[in-house]
Amino acid sequence: MTGRLWQPKRVLLTRSARDWAHGIAIAERAAGLGIAVDELPTDRLALGFPDDDRRAYAAAKQTLAVVVAPPSKLRLQPIAPSADWRVDLAQGCPAHCSYCYLAGSLKGPPITRAYANLPEIIAELPRHLGEGTITSRSSARAHEGTTFEASCYTDPLALEHLTGSLSAMIGWFGAWQVPTQLRFTTKFDAVEPLLGLEHGGRTRMRASINPALYARYEGGTSPVAARLAGLAKMGHAGYPIGLTIAPIIAAEGWELAYATLIAQAAEALATVPGLDLTIELITHRYTPGSKAVLESWYPGSKLEMGAANRAEKRTKFGSVKHVYDAATMRTLRGFFEAEIAARLPTARILYWT
């Protein structure tokens, strides 16, 4: 079973986006799928959403805007602990995850914006080569070269059938004969456009997975079995691959649920030749702001965001984040390290957070 490709109800093409061939190509892809494309007279997204937050959320989730990334998006930022640099191909995601970490960082209704000025975005990458502190200067991960994370504010595979941005970026990295790596993580499985690309081993796809116990928190995504099957296809196509187990939720029955998930992943990847597998382990956390937004978006969600087993953590910017307490963290970490060592002994755990 595979997930359906996202079909927005409308695509908005801004005036500036029409100055870029990539922006026109996105609009043409959408029109070819029978999606209405509105050519806006300006760059202002006058969406006309109703005042009701729930209806605004629903309308935003059905809209793709093709825009030009502002100058702030062209100034790459560090993205610890994943990669040296964050490179944004889009902003927003069509999925409906009731723990979505974007809820506290994106302003206004969660419309998805795809960037038309892809050549400008790519042009910024070479001057960051050899810079950064996560892999460029790390003895443990230096072999990855300078790393660029393409999925901080979006799920690029979820949009690929509409944008083609991920394929273009993978092809560019494949031809870039330097020590570097493009990275992206996804909850979708439509990898077919990527399989035949000349990637040069310089793109790592990671499947973001969680147990079936928590499937109700991941609306609009591909089933986990399909994500793992897609990841295995990428491995067979010579890509380095990975698992992002996130967010790890310490709810009742979590031990059996995650043991089953890790065993499922091991089985799905068992036939990948020369398996190059990394694992990233990210526990559930939230801010007061993201909690308020998520509760307005998903008022019926059963996701636990109370005070039990939680501690407050201050970010480097001084804001508050609610994480699991030290005892819970120790229990979780010990469990995952043991299960991964038993089921996926050749995998490398990149980080725990």
Protein backbone atom coordinates (compact mmCIF):
# COMPACT_ATOMS: atom_id res chain seq x y z
CA MET A 1 0.00 0.00 0.00
CA THR A 2 1.35 3.41 -0.97
CA GLY A 3 0.30 6.93 -0.15
CA ARG A 4 -1.57 9.13 -2.60
CA LEU A 5 0.20 12.07 -4.17
CA TRP A 6 -0.87 15.42 -2.81
CA GLN A 7 -3.37 17.19 -5.06
CA PRO A 8 -3.87 20.79 -3.91
CA LYS A 9 -7.15 22.37 -4.89
CA ARG A 10 -5.40 25.43 -6.27
CA VAL A 11 -1.98 26.76 -7.15
CA LEU A 12 -1.15 30.45 -6.82
CA LEU A 13 1.59 31.72 -9.14
CA THR A 14 2.98 35.09 -8.03
CA ARG A 15 4.15 37.77 -10.44
CA SER A 16 7.82 37.40 -9.50
CA ALA A 17 7.67 33.62 -9.75
CA ARG A 18 6.72 33.97 -13.41
CA ASP A 19 10.17 35.50 -14.03
CA TRP A 20 11.76 32.14 -13.29
CA ALA A 21 11.66 29.13 -15.63
CA HIS A 22 11.42 26.85 -12.62
CA GLY A 23 8.34 28.71 -11.37
CA ILE A 24 6.67 28.40 -14.76
CA ALA A 25 7.55 24.69 -14.84
CA ILE A 26 5.87 24.12 -11.46
CA ALA A 27 2.70 25.82 -12.69
CA GLU A 28 2.75 23.73 -15.86
CA ARG A 29 3.16 20.52 -13.86
CA ALA A 30 0.16 21.45 -11.73
CA ALA A 31 -1.96 22.37 -14.75
CA GLY A 32 -1.01 19.05 -16.34
CA LEU A 33 -2.51 17.31 -13.31
CA GLY A 34 -5.75 19.23 -13.73
CA ILE A 35 -5.14 21.66 -10.87
CA ALA A 36 -6.38 25.22 -11.29
CA VAL A 37 -3.51 27.74 -11.50
CA ASP A 38 -4.23 31.36 -10.57
CA GLU A 39 -1.72 33.88 -11.93
CA LEU A 40 -1.60 36.66 -9.36
CA PRO A 41 -1.05 40.25 -10.50
CA THR A 42 1.34 40.89 -7.60
CA ASP A 43 3.49 38.95 -5.12
CA ARG A 44 0.94 39.38 -2.37
CA LEU A 45 -0.85 36.19 -1.40
CA ALA A 46 -4.37 37.51 -0.92
CA LEU A 47 -5.80 34.14 0.03
CA GLY A 48 -9.19 35.30 1.23
CA PHE A 49 -9.30 32.75 4.01
CA PRO A 50 -12.24 32.93 6.42
CA ASP A 51 -11.70 34.17 9.97
CA ASP A 52 -12.42 30.77 11.44
CA ASP A 53 -9.07 29.14 12.35
CA ARG A 54 -10.19 25.62 11.48
CA ARG A 55 -11.51 26.61 8.06
CA ALA A 56 -8.42 28.73 7.42
CA TYR A 57 -6.23 25.76 8.28
CA ALA A 58 -8.17 23.48 5.92
CA ALA A 59 -8.02 26.00 3.07
CA ALA A 60 -4.29 26.60 3.56
CA LYS A 61 -3.56 22.88 3.49
CA GLN A 62 -5.21 22.67 0.06
CA THR A 63 -3.17 25.50 -1.48
CA LEU A 64 0.26 25.62 -3.08
CA ALA A 65 1.81 29.03 -3.73
CA VAL A 66 4.72 29.37 -6.16
CA VAL A 67 6.79 32.27 -4.86
CA VAL A 68 10.32 33.67 -4.94
CA ALA A 69 12.35 32.85 -1.83
CA PRO A 70 13.19 36.12 -0.05
CA PRO A 71 16.82 37.15 0.58
CA SER A 72 16.61 35.82 4.14
CA LYS A 73 16.09 32.31 2.76
CA LEU A 74 19.23 32.62 0.66
CA ARG A 75 21.37 33.23 3.75
CA LEU A 76 22.01 29.66 4.86
CA GLN A 77 21.76 28.89 8.57
CA PRO A 78 23.39 26.10 10.64
CA ILE A 79 21.02 23.25 11.42
CA ALA A 80 22.42 21.20 14.30
CA PRO A 81 22.44 18.32 14.94
CA SER A 82 21.44 17.21 11.43
CA ALA A 83 23.73 19.05 9.03
CA ASP A 84 26.08 21.95 8.49
CA TRP A 85 23.58 24.09 6.62
CA ARG A 86 19.85 24.40 6.00
CA VAL A 87 18.82 24.91 2.37
CA ASP A 88 15.12 25.55 1.77
CA LEU A 89 13.39 24.38 -1.42
CA ALA A 90 9.94 25.14 -0.05
CA GLN A 91 8.11 26.03 3.13
CA GLY A 92 5.13 24.15 4.49
CA CYS A 93 3.90 20.58 4.21
CA PRO A 94 0.66 18.97 2.98
CA ALA A 95 0.63 16.35 5.76
CA HIS A 96 -1.55 16.62 8.88
CA CYS A 97 0.71 15.58 11.75
CA SER A 98 -0.72 16.55 15.12
CA TYR A 99 2.79 16.92 16.60
CA CYS A 100 4.09 19.05 13.68
CA TYR A 101 7.15 21.03 14.79
CA LEU A 102 6.49 23.63 12.08
CA ALA A 103 3.41 24.78 14.01
CA GLY A 104 5.44 27.02 16.27
CA SER A 105 7.78 28.39 13.60
CA LEU A 106 5.53 29.32 10.66
CA LYS A 107 3.33 32.38 10.86
CA GLY A 108 -0.27 32.42 9.69
CA PRO A 109 -2.24 29.64 8.00
CA PRO A 110 0.02 26.74 6.94
CA ILE A 111 0.00 27.32 3.20
CA THR A 112 2.74 25.47 1.29
CA ARG A 113 5.12 27.72 -0.65
CA ALA A 114 7.42 26.33 -3.35
CA TYR A 115 10.38 28.48 -4.37
CA ALA A 116 10.66 29.43 -8.03
CA ASN A 117 14.18 30.88 -7.84
CA LEU A 118 15.95 27.53 -7.47
CA PRO A 119 19.04 28.70 -9.43
CA GLU A 120 19.59 31.47 -6.86
CA ILE A 121 19.27 29.00 -4.02
CA ILE A 122 21.79 26.62 -5.61
CA ALA A 123 24.20 29.47 -6.34
CA GLU A 124 24.59 30.06 -2.59
CA LEU A 125 25.89 26.56 -1.85
CA PRO A 126 29.53 26.60 -3.11
CA ARG A 127 30.67 29.39 -0.81
CA HIS A 128 29.63 27.27 2.21
CA LEU A 129 31.78 24.32 1.18
CA GLY A 130 34.14 23.32 3.99
CA GLU A 131 32.33 25.54 6.44
CA GLY A 132 30.01 24.50 9.23
CA THR A 133 30.53 22.62 12.48
CA ILE A 134 28.29 19.55 12.31
CA THR A 135 30.04 17.42 9.69
CA SER A 136 32.67 19.65 8.08
CA ARG A 137 34.69 19.81 11.29
CA SER A 138 33.52 16.63 13.01
CA SER A 139 35.91 13.69 13.21
CA ALA A 140 32.97 11.28 13.50
CA ARG A 141 31.11 12.61 10.44
CA ALA A 142 33.81 14.30 8.37
CA HIS A 143 33.48 11.62 5.68
CA GLU A 144 30.05 13.06 4.85
CA GLY A 145 31.68 16.30 3.73
CA THR A 146 29.79 19.57 3.95
CA THR A 147 26.15 18.68 4.52
CA PHE A 148 23.04 20.53 3.41
CA GLU A 149 19.63 19.69 4.91
CA ALA A 150 16.70 20.24 2.50
CA SER A 151 13.78 19.27 4.70
CA CYS A 152 13.74 21.61 7.68
CA TYR A 153 10.63 23.58 6.69
CA THR A 154 9.02 21.14 4.27
CA ASP A 155 8.82 17.54 3.11
CA PRO A 156 10.40 17.84 -0.35
CA LEU A 157 9.33 14.39 -1.53
CA ALA A 158 5.69 15.20 -0.77
CA LEU A 159 5.93 18.06 -3.30
CA GLU A 160 8.26 16.51 -5.88
CA HIS A 161 5.56 15.50 -8.38
CA LEU A 162 4.56 19.18 -8.48
CA THR A 163 7.89 20.98 -8.17
CA GLY A 164 10.72 18.79 -9.50
CA SER A 165 12.95 20.75 -7.11
CA LEU A 166 14.35 17.76 -5.28
CA SER A 167 15.35 15.98 -8.51
CA ALA A 168 17.06 19.13 -9.75
CA MET A 169 18.97 19.47 -6.50
CA ILE A 170 19.99 15.79 -6.42
CA GLY A 171 21.27 16.04 -9.99
CA TRP A 172 23.25 19.17 -9.15
CA PHE A 173 24.87 17.53 -6.12
CA GLY A 174 25.60 14.44 -8.22
CA ALA A 175 27.59 16.56 -10.64
CA TRP A 176 29.32 18.57 -7.89
CA GLN A 177 32.60 16.68 -7.63
CA VAL A 178 33.47 17.75 -4.08
CA PRO A 179 33.09 16.22 -0.59
CA THR A 180 29.50 17.15 0.16
CA GLN A 181 26.07 15.63 0.82
CA LEU A 182 22.48 16.68 0.32
CA ARG A 183 20.12 15.31 2.96
CA PHE A 184 16.35 15.08 3.15
CA THR A 185 13.84 13.26 5.30
CA THR A 186 10.29 12.33 4.38
CA LYS A 187 7.06 10.68 5.45
CA PHE A 188 6.20 9.84 1.84
CA ASP A 189 7.16 7.04 -0.53
CA ALA A 190 6.93 8.37 -4.12
CA VAL A 191 10.63 7.88 -4.87
CA GLU A 192 10.29 6.76 -8.51
CA PRO A 193 11.42 10.11 -10.04
CA LEU A 194 14.64 9.87 -8.03
CA LEU A 195 15.72 6.32 -8.76
CA GLY A 196 17.35 6.90 -12.14
CA LEU A 197 19.12 10.15 -11.29
CA GLU A 198 22.90 10.50 -11.44
CA HIS A 199 23.19 11.13 -7.71
CA GLY A 200 26.85 10.18 -7.27
CA GLY A 201 26.14 8.90 -3.76
CA ARG A 202 25.92 12.50 -2.58
CA THR A 203 22.30 12.51 -1.43
CA ARG A 204 21.04 10.68 1.66
CA MET A 205 17.30 10.03 1.95
CA ARG A 206 15.93 9.26 5.39
CA ALA A 207 12.47 7.88 6.05
CA SER A 208 10.76 9.44 9.07
CA ILE A 209 8.97 6.61 10.84
CA ASN A 210 6.86 5.91 13.90
CA PRO A 211 4.95 2.81 15.07
CA ALA A 212 1.44 1.93 13.87
CA LEU A 213 0.35 2.78 17.42
CA TYR A 214 0.81 6.46 16.50
CA ALA A 215 -0.46 6.39 12.91
CA ARG A 216 -3.45 8.52 13.93
CA TYR A 217 -1.06 11.39 14.59
CA GLU A 218 0.29 11.37 11.01
CA GLY A 219 -2.65 12.15 8.76
CA GLY A 220 -2.12 12.50 5.02
CA THR A 221 1.22 10.66 4.96
CA SER A 222 2.26 7.38 3.34
CA PRO A 223 1.94 4.26 5.51
CA VAL A 224 5.16 3.35 7.31
CA ALA A 225 5.50 0.10 5.34
CA ALA A 226 5.37 2.11 2.11
CA ARG A 227 7.96 4.59 3.40
CA LEU A 228 10.31 1.73 4.24
CA ALA A 229 9.72 0.12 0.85
CA GLY A 230 10.55 3.44 -0.82
CA LEU A 231 13.69 3.76 1.29
CA ALA A 232 14.76 0.25 0.27
CA LYS A 233 14.30 1.19 -3.41
CA MET A 234 16.58 4.18 -2.87
CA GLY A 235 19.16 1.94 -1.23
CA HIS A 236 19.03 -0.45 -4.18
CA ALA A 237 19.54 2.57 -6.47
CA GLY A 238 22.84 3.27 -4.68
CA TYR A 239 21.74 6.09 -2.43
CA PRO A 240 22.99 6.21 1.17
CA ILE A 241 19.87 6.04 3.32
CA GLY A 242 18.70 6.58 6.87
CA LEU A 243 15.92 6.35 9.41
CA THR A 244 14.61 9.29 11.38
CA ILE A 245 12.67 7.84 14.29
CA ALA A 246 10.67 10.85 15.32
CA PRO A 247 9.08 12.03 17.38
CA ILE A 248 9.69 9.27 19.90
CA ILE A 249 6.60 9.23 22.11
CA ALA A 250 6.77 7.59 25.54
CA ALA A 251 3.10 6.64 25.72
CA GLU A 252 1.70 3.41 27.13
CA GLY A 253 2.99 0.42 25.16
CA TRP A 254 5.88 2.27 23.58
CA GLU A 255 8.47 -0.48 24.19
CA LEU A 256 6.66 -3.14 22.15
CA ALA A 257 5.61 -0.59 19.53
CA TYR A 258 9.13 0.64 18.85
CA ALA A 259 10.68 -2.83 19.06
CA THR A 260 8.22 -3.91 16.36
CA LEU A 261 9.03 -0.82 14.28
CA ILE A 262 12.79 -1.41 14.39
CA ALA A 263 12.27 -5.07 13.45
CA GLN A 264 10.04 -3.96 10.56
CA ALA A 265 12.75 -1.59 9.33
CA ALA A 266 15.41 -4.30 9.57
CA GLU A 267 13.29 -6.67 7.50
CA ALA A 268 12.52 -4.04 4.85
CA LEU A 269 16.20 -3.15 4.39
CA ALA A 270 17.66 -6.63 4.70
CA THR A 271 18.35 -7.07 0.97
CA VAL A 272 19.89 -3.64 0.31
CA PRO A 273 23.45 -4.32 -0.92
CA GLY A 274 26.26 -2.57 0.93
CA LEU A 275 23.75 -0.97 3.28
CA ASP A 276 24.87 2.53 4.30
CA LEU A 277 22.35 3.33 7.02
CA THR A 278 22.24 6.12 9.58
CA ILE A 279 19.69 6.60 12.34
CA GLU A 280 18.56 9.82 13.98
CA LEU A 281 16.60 9.61 17.24
CA ILE A 282 14.42 12.58 18.16
CA THR A 283 12.15 12.58 21.20
CA HIS A 284 8.83 14.40 21.28
CA ARG A 285 9.06 18.00 22.42
CA TYR A 286 6.99 21.13 22.03
CA THR A 287 6.92 24.80 22.94
CA PRO A 288 3.98 26.62 24.54
CA GLY A 289 3.42 28.35 21.21
CA SER A 290 3.41 25.19 19.11
CA LYS A 291 1.15 23.46 21.65
CA ALA A 292 -1.44 26.24 21.34
CA VAL A 293 -1.33 26.17 17.54
CA LEU A 294 -1.55 22.38 17.35
CA GLU A 295 -4.48 22.27 19.74
CA SER A 296 -6.30 24.79 17.53
CA TRP A 297 -5.53 22.78 14.39
CA TYR A 298 -6.29 19.34 15.88
CA PRO A 299 -8.75 19.84 18.75
CA GLY A 300 -9.64 16.15 18.85
CA SER A 301 -6.08 14.85 19.01
CA LYS A 302 -5.20 12.44 21.82
CA LEU A 303 -1.50 13.30 21.66
CA GLU A 304 -0.26 13.81 25.21
CA MET A 305 1.21 17.26 25.77
CA GLY A 306 0.77 17.52 29.53
CA ALA A 307 3.24 17.95 32.39
CA ALA A 308 3.74 14.25 33.20
CA ASN A 309 7.34 13.08 32.68
CA ARG A 310 8.28 16.48 31.30
CA ALA A 311 10.94 19.07 32.05
CA GLU A 312 11.52 22.58 30.77
CA LYS A 313 14.55 23.24 28.61
CA ARG A 314 15.82 26.64 27.51
CA THR A 315 16.92 27.02 23.90
CA LYS A 316 19.94 29.10 22.89
CA PHE A 317 17.46 31.88 22.08
CA GLY A 318 16.01 31.80 25.59
CA SER A 319 12.65 30.28 24.69
CA VAL A 320 11.08 27.39 26.62
CA LYS A 321 10.78 23.88 25.26
CA HIS A 322 9.03 20.98 27.01
CA VAL A 323 11.04 17.76 26.77
CA TYR A 324 10.94 14.43 28.59
CA ASP A 325 12.56 14.46 32.01
CA ALA A 326 16.02 13.00 32.60
CA ALA A 327 14.81 9.63 33.89
CA THR A 328 12.48 9.09 30.93
CA MET A 329 15.22 10.15 28.52
CA ARG A 330 17.67 7.63 30.01
CA THR A 331 15.14 4.81 29.73
CA LEU A 332 14.27 5.69 26.14
CA ARG A 333 17.85 6.07 25.02
CA GLY A 334 19.01 2.81 26.57
CA PHE A 335 16.14 0.96 24.91
CA PHE A 336 16.78 2.35 21.42
CA GLU A 337 20.52 1.82 21.53
CA ALA A 338 20.04 -1.80 22.56
CA GLU A 339 17.31 -2.55 19.99
CA ILE A 340 19.22 -0.94 17.14
CA ALA A 341 22.42 -2.79 18.04
CA ALA A 342 20.48 -6.07 17.99
CA ARG A 343 18.37 -5.52 14.85
CA LEU A 344 20.46 -3.13 12.74
CA PRO A 345 24.03 -3.72 13.89
CA THR A 346 25.71 -1.95 10.96
CA ALA A 347 23.68 1.24 11.35
CA ARG A 348 25.28 4.41 12.71
CA ILE A 349 23.31 6.44 15.24
CA LEU A 350 24.08 10.05 14.34
CA TYR A 351 22.55 11.67 17.38
CA TRP A 352 20.01 11.45 20.17
CA THR A 353 17.98 14.48 21.13
